[in-house]
Amino acid sequence: MFGTVPIGPGLTAPAGVFLAGIALVLRDLVREALGPAVALAAVLAGGALSWWLADPELALASTAAFLLSELLDTAVYEPVRHCGLVTAMALSNTVGLVVDSVLFLALAEGSLTHLPGQVLGKATMTAVAIVALALVRRPGVTA
């Protein structure tokens, strides 16, 4: 484990929590631009890279959690995509970040002690990224 970071009053989470929250939104953007198969391939490629560069146990926990959350995220995202990109991301990432957090912590730490902080950290970063995306996508706003 690479340590923990404070998330809120009395809450901590593994150090990568903020990047993981942003990764959920980036995953949806990849899915949107290149399709679900490419998004799934990117998750698997990221897992292989993690396995090569990091601790194999941590890589396994991260890849398994992200892969399951990707499958559930897609199961929510695709049926609600017609409601708009931001809505689909918000709904699917809510499911994905909870599942990802529970499975990752169970596999990597053997404990759900950091679950509240993990969920809050990912939800915060996901919300910030979604709001930024919504603002950029507003009519009349150029990126």
C-alpha atoms as a PDB file:
ATOM      1  CA  MET A   1       0.000   0.000   0.000  1.00  0.00           C
ATOM      2  CA  PHE A   2       1.260   3.500  -0.747  1.00  0.00           C
ATOM      3  CA  GLY A   3      -0.253   5.136   2.296  1.00  0.00           C
ATOM      4  CA  THR A   4      -3.404   7.082   2.940  1.00  0.00           C
ATOM      5  CA  VAL A   5      -4.525  10.657   2.509  1.00  0.00           C
ATOM      6  CA  PRO A   6      -7.056  12.661   4.510  1.00  0.00           C
ATOM      7  CA  ILE A   7     -10.389  13.026   2.708  1.00  0.00           C
ATOM      8  CA  GLY A   8     -12.567  14.797   5.233  1.00  0.00           C
ATOM      9  CA  PRO A   9     -13.058  15.067   8.969  1.00  0.00           C
ATOM     10  CA  GLY A  10     -11.843  11.740  10.321  1.00  0.00           C
ATOM     11  CA  LEU A  11     -11.816  10.089   6.887  1.00  0.00           C
ATOM     12  CA  THR A  12      -8.843   8.700   5.011  1.00  0.00           C
ATOM     13  CA  ALA A  13      -8.443   6.712   1.823  1.00  0.00           C
ATOM     14  CA  PRO A  14      -5.647   5.094  -0.158  1.00  0.00           C
ATOM     15  CA  ALA A  15      -3.427   7.696  -1.808  1.00  0.00           C
ATOM     16  CA  GLY A  16      -4.628   7.070  -5.376  1.00  0.00           C
ATOM     17  CA  VAL A  17      -8.257   7.845  -4.610  1.00  0.00           C
ATOM     18  CA  PHE A  18      -8.377  11.218  -6.362  1.00  0.00           C
ATOM     19  CA  LEU A  19      -6.857   9.893  -9.584  1.00  0.00           C
ATOM     20  CA  ALA A  20      -9.216   6.918  -9.470  1.00  0.00           C
ATOM     21  CA  GLY A  21     -12.200   9.284  -9.348  1.00  0.00           C
ATOM     22  CA  ILE A  22     -10.990  11.151 -12.399  1.00  0.00           C
ATOM     23  CA  ALA A  23     -10.206   7.855 -14.159  1.00  0.00           C
ATOM     24  CA  LEU A  24     -13.892   6.906 -13.953  1.00  0.00           C
ATOM     25  CA  VAL A  25     -14.852   9.956 -16.005  1.00  0.00           C
ATOM     26  CA  LEU A  26     -11.955   9.466 -18.419  1.00  0.00           C
ATOM     27  CA  ARG A  27     -13.066   5.871 -18.917  1.00  0.00           C
ATOM     28  CA  ASP A  28     -16.507   7.122 -19.957  1.00  0.00           C
ATOM     29  CA  LEU A  29     -14.975   9.620 -22.363  1.00  0.00           C
ATOM     30  CA  VAL A  30     -12.940   6.817 -23.945  1.00  0.00           C
ATOM     31  CA  ARG A  31     -16.110   4.729 -24.199  1.00  0.00           C
ATOM     32  CA  GLU A  32     -17.935   7.661 -25.764  1.00  0.00           C
ATOM     33  CA  ALA A  33     -15.215   8.393 -28.311  1.00  0.00           C
ATOM     34  CA  LEU A  34     -13.979   4.901 -29.149  1.00  0.00           C
ATOM     35  CA  GLY A  35     -16.628   2.455 -27.937  1.00  0.00           C
ATOM     36  CA  PRO A  36     -17.081   0.043 -25.031  1.00  0.00           C
ATOM     37  CA  ALA A  37     -14.644  -2.547 -26.383  1.00  0.00           C
ATOM     38  CA  VAL A  38     -11.792  -0.018 -26.463  1.00  0.00           C
ATOM     39  CA  ALA A  39     -12.651   1.183 -22.950  1.00  0.00           C
ATOM     40  CA  LEU A  40     -12.518  -2.395 -21.678  1.00  0.00           C
ATOM     41  CA  ALA A  41      -9.232  -2.999 -23.511  1.00  0.00           C
ATOM     42  CA  ALA A  42      -7.819   0.162 -21.901  1.00  0.00           C
ATOM     43  CA  VAL A  43      -8.753  -1.155 -18.442  1.00  0.00           C
ATOM     44  CA  LEU A  44      -6.979  -4.439 -19.192  1.00  0.00           C
ATOM     45  CA  ALA A  45      -3.930  -2.640 -20.620  1.00  0.00           C
ATOM     46  CA  GLY A  46      -3.777  -0.419 -17.538  1.00  0.00           C
ATOM     47  CA  GLY A  47      -3.910  -3.494 -15.337  1.00  0.00           C
ATOM     48  CA  ALA A  48      -1.066  -5.126 -17.245  1.00  0.00           C
ATOM     49  CA  LEU A  49       1.007  -1.950 -16.962  1.00  0.00           C
ATOM     50  CA  SER A  50       0.287  -1.765 -13.225  1.00  0.00           C
ATOM     51  CA  TRP A  51       1.315  -5.399 -12.849  1.00  0.00           C
ATOM     52  CA  TRP A  52       4.617  -4.668 -14.579  1.00  0.00           C
ATOM     53  CA  LEU A  53       5.383  -1.369 -12.777  1.00  0.00           C
ATOM     54  CA  ALA A  54       3.850  -1.836  -9.341  1.00  0.00           C
ATOM     55  CA  ASP A  55       3.240  -4.439  -6.698  1.00  0.00           C
ATOM     56  CA  PRO A  56       1.465  -7.416  -8.347  1.00  0.00           C
ATOM     57  CA  GLU A  57      -0.974  -7.785  -5.429  1.00  0.00           C
ATOM     58  CA  LEU A  58      -1.965  -4.125  -5.646  1.00  0.00           C
ATOM     59  CA  ALA A  59      -2.212  -4.365  -9.439  1.00  0.00           C
ATOM     60  CA  LEU A  60      -4.474  -7.414  -9.158  1.00  0.00           C
ATOM     61  CA  ALA A  61      -6.756  -5.651  -6.671  1.00  0.00           C
ATOM     62  CA  SER A  62      -6.886  -2.510  -8.791  1.00  0.00           C
ATOM     63  CA  THR A  63      -7.477  -4.329 -12.069  1.00  0.00           C
ATOM     64  CA  ALA A  64     -10.139  -6.664 -10.679  1.00  0.00           C
ATOM     65  CA  ALA A  65     -11.992  -3.790  -9.034  1.00  0.00           C
ATOM     66  CA  PHE A  66     -11.778  -1.525 -12.065  1.00  0.00           C
ATOM     67  CA  LEU A  67     -12.785  -4.325 -14.440  1.00  0.00           C
ATOM     68  CA  LEU A  68     -15.893  -5.233 -12.430  1.00  0.00           C
ATOM     69  CA  SER A  69     -16.804  -1.570 -12.017  1.00  0.00           C
ATOM     70  CA  GLU A  70     -16.319  -1.097 -15.785  1.00  0.00           C
ATOM     71  CA  LEU A  71     -18.775  -3.891 -16.536  1.00  0.00           C
ATOM     72  CA  LEU A  72     -21.360  -2.537 -14.093  1.00  0.00           C
ATOM     73  CA  ASP A  73     -20.699   1.027 -15.213  1.00  0.00           C
ATOM     74  CA  THR A  74     -21.392  -0.015 -18.819  1.00  0.00           C
ATOM     75  CA  ALA A  75     -24.560  -1.835 -17.768  1.00  0.00           C
ATOM     76  CA  VAL A  76     -25.855   1.446 -16.311  1.00  0.00           C
ATOM     77  CA  TYR A  77     -24.274   3.869 -18.810  1.00  0.00           C
ATOM     78  CA  GLU A  78     -25.517   2.401 -22.075  1.00  0.00           C
ATOM     79  CA  PRO A  79     -29.273   2.288 -21.221  1.00  0.00           C
ATOM     80  CA  VAL A  80     -29.295   5.882 -19.886  1.00  0.00           C
ATOM     81  CA  ARG A  81     -26.936   7.438 -22.456  1.00  0.00           C
ATOM     82  CA  HIS A  82     -29.961   8.820 -24.347  1.00  0.00           C
ATOM     83  CA  CYS A  83     -30.590  11.069 -21.303  1.00  0.00           C
ATOM     84  CA  GLY A  84     -27.313  12.879 -21.990  1.00  0.00           C
ATOM     85  CA  LEU A  85     -23.622  12.326 -21.431  1.00  0.00           C
ATOM     86  CA  VAL A  86     -23.458  14.060 -18.044  1.00  0.00           C
ATOM     87  CA  THR A  87     -26.484  12.164 -16.705  1.00  0.00           C
ATOM     88  CA  ALA A  88     -25.123   8.834 -17.942  1.00  0.00           C
ATOM     89  CA  MET A  89     -21.721   9.550 -16.384  1.00  0.00           C
ATOM     90  CA  ALA A  90     -23.180  10.632 -13.059  1.00  0.00           C
ATOM     91  CA  LEU A  91     -25.421   7.584 -12.716  1.00  0.00           C
ATOM     92  CA  SER A  92     -22.964   4.990 -13.983  1.00  0.00           C
ATOM     93  CA  ASN A  93     -20.011   6.390 -12.057  1.00  0.00           C
ATOM     94  CA  THR A  94     -21.993   6.352  -8.831  1.00  0.00           C
ATOM     95  CA  VAL A  95     -22.449   2.608  -9.229  1.00  0.00           C
ATOM     96  CA  GLY A  96     -18.905   2.107 -10.505  1.00  0.00           C
ATOM     97  CA  LEU A  97     -17.139   4.021  -7.758  1.00  0.00           C
ATOM     98  CA  VAL A  98     -18.907   2.173  -4.952  1.00  0.00           C
ATOM     99  CA  VAL A  99     -18.257  -1.268  -6.452  1.00  0.00           C
ATOM    100  CA  ASP A 100     -14.673  -0.357  -7.342  1.00  0.00           C
ATOM    101  CA  SER A 101     -14.036   0.900  -3.813  1.00  0.00           C
ATOM    102  CA  VAL A 102     -15.508  -2.125  -2.023  1.00  0.00           C
ATOM    103  CA  LEU A 103     -13.688  -4.685  -4.144  1.00  0.00           C
ATOM    104  CA  PHE A 104     -10.372  -2.809  -4.213  1.00  0.00           C
ATOM    105  CA  LEU A 105     -10.273  -2.327  -0.458  1.00  0.00           C
ATOM    106  CA  ALA A 106     -11.327  -5.917   0.224  1.00  0.00           C
ATOM    107  CA  LEU A 107      -8.591  -7.288  -2.051  1.00  0.00           C
ATOM    108  CA  ALA A 108      -5.807  -4.765  -1.374  1.00  0.00           C
ATOM    109  CA  GLU A 109      -6.304  -4.201   2.341  1.00  0.00           C
ATOM    110  CA  GLY A 110      -8.532  -7.039   3.474  1.00  0.00           C
ATOM    111  CA  SER A 111     -10.659  -4.412   5.207  1.00  0.00           C
ATOM    112  CA  LEU A 112     -13.326  -1.850   4.401  1.00  0.00           C
ATOM    113  CA  THR A 113     -12.021   0.592   7.019  1.00  0.00           C
ATOM    114  CA  HIS A 114     -11.277   3.234   4.389  1.00  0.00           C
ATOM    115  CA  LEU A 115     -14.536   2.743   2.476  1.00  0.00           C
ATOM    116  CA  PRO A 116     -16.247   6.012   3.507  1.00  0.00           C
ATOM    117  CA  GLY A 117     -13.160   8.046   2.597  1.00  0.00           C
ATOM    118  CA  GLN A 118     -12.602   6.083  -0.612  1.00  0.00           C
ATOM    119  CA  VAL A 119     -16.186   6.641  -1.775  1.00  0.00           C
ATOM    120  CA  LEU A 120     -16.160  10.317  -0.775  1.00  0.00           C
ATOM    121  CA  GLY A 121     -12.809  10.966  -2.482  1.00  0.00           C
ATOM    122  CA  LYS A 122     -13.825   9.267  -5.732  1.00  0.00           C
ATOM    123  CA  ALA A 123     -17.275  10.867  -5.698  1.00  0.00           C
ATOM    124  CA  THR A 124     -15.784  14.314  -5.166  1.00  0.00           C
ATOM    125  CA  MET A 125     -13.291  14.014  -8.010  1.00  0.00           C
ATOM    126  CA  THR A 126     -15.886  12.421 -10.287  1.00  0.00           C
ATOM    127  CA  ALA A 127     -18.300  15.263  -9.558  1.00  0.00           C
ATOM    128  CA  VAL A 128     -15.628  17.910 -10.200  1.00  0.00           C
ATOM    129  CA  ALA A 129     -14.705  16.274 -13.521  1.00  0.00           C
ATOM    130  CA  ILE A 130     -18.353  15.919 -14.581  1.00  0.00           C
ATOM    131  CA  VAL A 131     -19.136  19.543 -13.699  1.00  0.00           C
ATOM    132  CA  ALA A 132     -16.058  20.707 -15.640  1.00  0.00           C
ATOM    133  CA  LEU A 133     -17.143  18.612 -18.608  1.00  0.00           C
ATOM    134  CA  ALA A 134     -20.691  19.977 -18.422  1.00  0.00           C
ATOM    135  CA  LEU A 135     -19.370  23.540 -18.372  1.00  0.00           C
ATOM    136  CA  VAL A 136     -17.095  22.921 -21.346  1.00  0.00           C
ATOM    137  CA  ARG A 137     -19.919  21.288 -23.299  1.00  0.00           C
ATOM    138  CA  ARG A 138     -22.311  24.211 -22.749  1.00  0.00           C
ATOM    139  CA  PRO A 139     -23.455  25.868 -25.959  1.00  0.00           C
ATOM    140  CA  GLY A 140     -21.284  28.837 -26.803  1.00  0.00           C
ATOM    141  CA  VAL A 141     -18.323  27.601 -24.732  1.00  0.00           C
ATOM    142  CA  THR A 142     -15.238  26.592 -26.652  1.00  0.00           C
ATOM    143  CA  ALA A 143     -12.673  24.189 -25.305  1.00  0.00           C
END
